[in-house]
Amino acid sequence: MTISHQTVLDKDGQPTAVIIPWNEFLEIRGLLDDDAPTQEELEVCQEAEADRVNGNKDAFVPMSEVKERLGI
């Protein structure tokens, strides 16, 4: 996401605030305020749980591979 903004500076030239377009503020606020999972997120979790219960290990990535991909 790219946010269009104007920076507000204090008398010493230090950033103190930003001004962003209202529609971008609403989009950001919606992302931050929406702590309920989406239908898609619920479905993905249900599929993962079904794979776990059914022992479908091929549906998962080993932790060692996750760490390798993340470089940790």
N, C-alpha and C. Protein backbone atom coordinates (compact mmCIF):
# COMPACT_ATOMS: atom_id res chain seq x y z
N MET A 1 0.85 -1.17 0.00
CA MET A 1 0.00 0.00 0.00
C MET A 1 0.90 1.24 0.00
N THR A 2 0.62 2.16 -0.87
CA THR A 2 1.31 3.44 -0.91
C THR A 2 0.39 4.49 -0.31
N ILE A 3 0.93 5.27 0.61
CA ILE A 3 0.12 6.30 1.28
C ILE A 3 0.59 7.67 0.82
N SER A 4 -0.32 8.43 0.21
CA SER A 4 -0.03 9.81 -0.15
C SER A 4 -0.09 10.63 1.13
N HIS A 5 0.89 11.50 1.33
CA HIS A 5 0.88 12.27 2.57
C HIS A 5 1.66 13.58 2.44
N GLN A 6 1.39 14.45 3.39
CA GLN A 6 2.15 15.68 3.56
C GLN A 6 2.69 15.65 4.98
N THR A 7 3.95 16.00 5.15
CA THR A 7 4.56 16.00 6.47
C THR A 7 4.48 17.39 7.08
N VAL A 8 4.07 17.45 8.34
CA VAL A 8 4.01 18.70 9.09
C VAL A 8 5.28 18.79 9.93
N LEU A 9 5.99 19.91 9.81
CA LEU A 9 7.24 20.10 10.53
C LEU A 9 7.06 21.13 11.64
N ASP A 10 7.84 20.97 12.73
CA ASP A 10 7.81 21.97 13.78
C ASP A 10 8.76 23.11 13.43
N LYS A 11 8.92 24.07 14.34
CA LYS A 11 9.74 25.25 14.06
C LYS A 11 11.21 24.91 13.83
N ASP A 12 11.63 23.71 14.30
CA ASP A 12 13.02 23.28 14.10
C ASP A 12 13.18 22.39 12.87
N GLY A 13 12.09 22.20 12.12
CA GLY A 13 12.15 21.38 10.92
C GLY A 13 12.00 19.89 11.17
N GLN A 14 11.59 19.53 12.37
CA GLN A 14 11.41 18.12 12.71
C GLN A 14 9.98 17.68 12.40
N PRO A 15 9.80 16.49 11.84
CA PRO A 15 8.45 15.99 11.56
C PRO A 15 7.64 15.83 12.85
N THR A 16 6.42 16.31 12.82
CA THR A 16 5.55 16.19 13.99
C THR A 16 4.23 15.50 13.67
N ALA A 17 3.84 15.50 12.42
CA ALA A 17 2.56 14.90 12.04
C ALA A 17 2.54 14.70 10.53
N VAL A 18 1.54 13.97 10.07
CA VAL A 18 1.31 13.82 8.63
C VAL A 18 -0.15 14.06 8.32
N ILE A 19 -0.39 14.49 7.12
CA ILE A 19 -1.75 14.66 6.61
C ILE A 19 -1.91 13.66 5.48
N ILE A 20 -2.96 12.83 5.58
CA ILE A 20 -3.22 11.85 4.53
C ILE A 20 -4.64 12.04 4.01
N PRO A 21 -4.87 11.62 2.77
CA PRO A 21 -6.22 11.73 2.21
C PRO A 21 -7.22 10.92 3.06
N TRP A 22 -8.42 11.45 3.18
CA TRP A 22 -9.45 10.84 4.00
C TRP A 22 -9.72 9.40 3.61
N ASN A 23 -9.83 9.11 2.31
CA ASN A 23 -10.14 7.74 1.88
C ASN A 23 -9.04 6.76 2.28
N GLU A 24 -7.78 7.22 2.27
CA GLU A 24 -6.68 6.36 2.70
C GLU A 24 -6.73 6.14 4.21
N PHE A 25 -7.09 7.18 4.96
CA PHE A 25 -7.25 7.04 6.40
C PHE A 25 -8.32 6.00 6.71
N LEU A 26 -9.46 6.07 6.01
CA LEU A 26 -10.54 5.12 6.25
C LEU A 26 -10.10 3.69 5.95
N GLU A 27 -9.32 3.52 4.89
CA GLU A 27 -8.83 2.19 4.54
C GLU A 27 -7.89 1.66 5.62
N ILE A 28 -6.98 2.50 6.08
CA ILE A 28 -6.04 2.09 7.13
C ILE A 28 -6.80 1.79 8.42
N ARG A 29 -7.72 2.65 8.78
CA ARG A 29 -8.50 2.44 10.00
C ARG A 29 -9.27 1.13 9.92
N GLY A 30 -9.82 0.84 8.75
CA GLY A 30 -10.54 -0.41 8.58
C GLY A 30 -9.64 -1.62 8.77
N LEU A 31 -8.42 -1.53 8.28
CA LEU A 31 -7.47 -2.63 8.44
C LEU A 31 -7.09 -2.81 9.91
N LEU A 32 -6.90 -1.72 10.60
CA LEU A 32 -6.49 -1.79 12.01
C LEU A 32 -7.63 -2.16 12.94
N ASP A 33 -8.82 -1.67 12.66
CA ASP A 33 -9.96 -1.92 13.53
C ASP A 33 -10.60 -3.28 13.32
N ASP A 34 -10.38 -3.85 12.16
CA ASP A 34 -11.06 -5.10 11.81
C ASP A 34 -10.28 -6.28 12.36
N ASP A 35 -10.54 -6.62 13.61
CA ASP A 35 -9.82 -7.74 14.20
C ASP A 35 -10.55 -9.07 14.00
N ALA A 36 -11.73 -9.02 13.44
CA ALA A 36 -12.46 -10.25 13.16
C ALA A 36 -11.92 -10.88 11.87
N PRO A 37 -11.75 -12.20 11.87
CA PRO A 37 -11.24 -12.85 10.65
C PRO A 37 -12.25 -12.76 9.50
N THR A 38 -11.71 -12.70 8.29
CA THR A 38 -12.56 -12.71 7.10
C THR A 38 -13.06 -14.13 6.85
N GLN A 39 -14.04 -14.26 5.99
CA GLN A 39 -14.55 -15.58 5.63
C GLN A 39 -13.43 -16.43 5.03
N GLU A 40 -12.60 -15.82 4.19
CA GLU A 40 -11.49 -16.55 3.56
C GLU A 40 -10.51 -17.06 4.63
N GLU A 41 -10.19 -16.20 5.60
CA GLU A 41 -9.28 -16.62 6.68
C GLU A 41 -9.87 -17.77 7.49
N LEU A 42 -11.15 -17.71 7.77
CA LEU A 42 -11.82 -18.79 8.49
C LEU A 42 -11.75 -20.10 7.71
N GLU A 43 -11.98 -20.03 6.40
CA GLU A 43 -11.95 -21.24 5.57
C GLU A 43 -10.56 -21.85 5.53
N VAL A 44 -9.54 -21.01 5.43
CA VAL A 44 -8.15 -21.51 5.42
C VAL A 44 -7.84 -22.21 6.74
N CYS A 45 -8.26 -21.62 7.85
CA CYS A 45 -8.02 -22.23 9.16
C CYS A 45 -8.77 -23.55 9.28
N GLN A 46 -9.99 -23.61 8.78
CA GLN A 46 -10.76 -24.84 8.84
C GLN A 46 -10.11 -25.94 8.00
N GLU A 47 -9.59 -25.58 6.83
CA GLU A 47 -8.90 -26.55 5.99
C GLU A 47 -7.63 -27.07 6.68
N ALA A 48 -6.89 -26.15 7.29
CA ALA A 48 -5.67 -26.55 7.99
C ALA A 48 -5.99 -27.47 9.16
N GLU A 49 -7.04 -27.16 9.90
CA GLU A 49 -7.44 -28.01 11.03
C GLU A 49 -7.87 -29.39 10.54
N ALA A 50 -8.60 -29.43 9.43
CA ALA A 50 -9.01 -30.72 8.87
C ALA A 50 -7.79 -31.53 8.45
N ASP A 51 -6.81 -30.87 7.82
CA ASP A 51 -5.57 -31.57 7.43
C ASP A 51 -4.84 -32.09 8.66
N ARG A 52 -4.80 -31.28 9.73
CA ARG A 52 -4.12 -31.71 10.96
C ARG A 52 -4.81 -32.93 11.55
N VAL A 53 -6.14 -32.86 11.67
CA VAL A 53 -6.92 -33.95 12.26
C VAL A 53 -6.77 -35.22 11.43
N ASN A 54 -6.73 -35.08 10.11
CA ASN A 54 -6.63 -36.24 9.22
C ASN A 54 -5.20 -36.72 9.01
N GLY A 55 -4.23 -36.05 9.65
CA GLY A 55 -2.84 -36.48 9.54
C GLY A 55 -2.20 -36.19 8.20
N ASN A 56 -2.72 -35.22 7.46
CA ASN A 56 -2.18 -34.87 6.15
C ASN A 56 -0.93 -33.99 6.31
N LYS A 57 0.20 -34.61 6.56
CA LYS A 57 1.44 -33.88 6.81
C LYS A 57 1.95 -33.16 5.56
N ASP A 58 1.53 -33.61 4.38
CA ASP A 58 1.95 -32.95 3.14
C ASP A 58 1.38 -31.54 3.01
N ALA A 59 0.35 -31.24 3.79
CA ALA A 59 -0.28 -29.92 3.72
C ALA A 59 0.50 -28.87 4.51
N PHE A 60 1.52 -29.31 5.24
CA PHE A 60 2.26 -28.40 6.11
C PHE A 60 3.73 -28.34 5.72
N VAL A 61 4.37 -27.24 6.09
CA VAL A 61 5.79 -27.04 5.84
C VAL A 61 6.53 -27.27 7.15
N PRO A 62 7.59 -28.06 7.14
CA PRO A 62 8.34 -28.29 8.37
C PRO A 62 8.91 -26.98 8.92
N MET A 63 8.99 -26.87 10.24
CA MET A 63 9.49 -25.65 10.87
C MET A 63 10.90 -25.32 10.40
N SER A 64 11.72 -26.33 10.15
CA SER A 64 13.09 -26.08 9.68
C SER A 64 13.07 -25.35 8.34
N GLU A 65 12.12 -25.70 7.49
CA GLU A 65 12.01 -25.03 6.19
C GLU A 65 11.48 -23.61 6.34
N VAL A 66 10.55 -23.41 7.27
CA VAL A 66 10.03 -22.07 7.54
C VAL A 66 11.17 -21.18 8.00
N LYS A 67 11.97 -21.67 8.94
CA LYS A 67 13.11 -20.90 9.45
C LYS A 67 14.10 -20.59 8.33
N GLU A 68 14.33 -21.56 7.47
CA GLU A 68 15.26 -21.35 6.36
C GLU A 68 14.74 -20.27 5.41
N ARG A 69 13.46 -20.33 5.09
CA ARG A 69 12.87 -19.33 4.21
C ARG A 69 12.93 -17.94 4.81
N LEU A 70 12.77 -17.85 6.15
CA LEU A 70 12.80 -16.57 6.83
C LEU A 70 14.22 -16.11 7.18
N GLY A 71 15.17 -17.02 6.99
CA GLY A 71 16.56 -16.67 7.30
C GLY A 71 16.83 -16.58 8.80
N ILE A 72 16.15 -17.42 9.57
CA ILE A 72 16.37 -17.39 11.02
C ILE A 72 16.86 -18.74 11.51
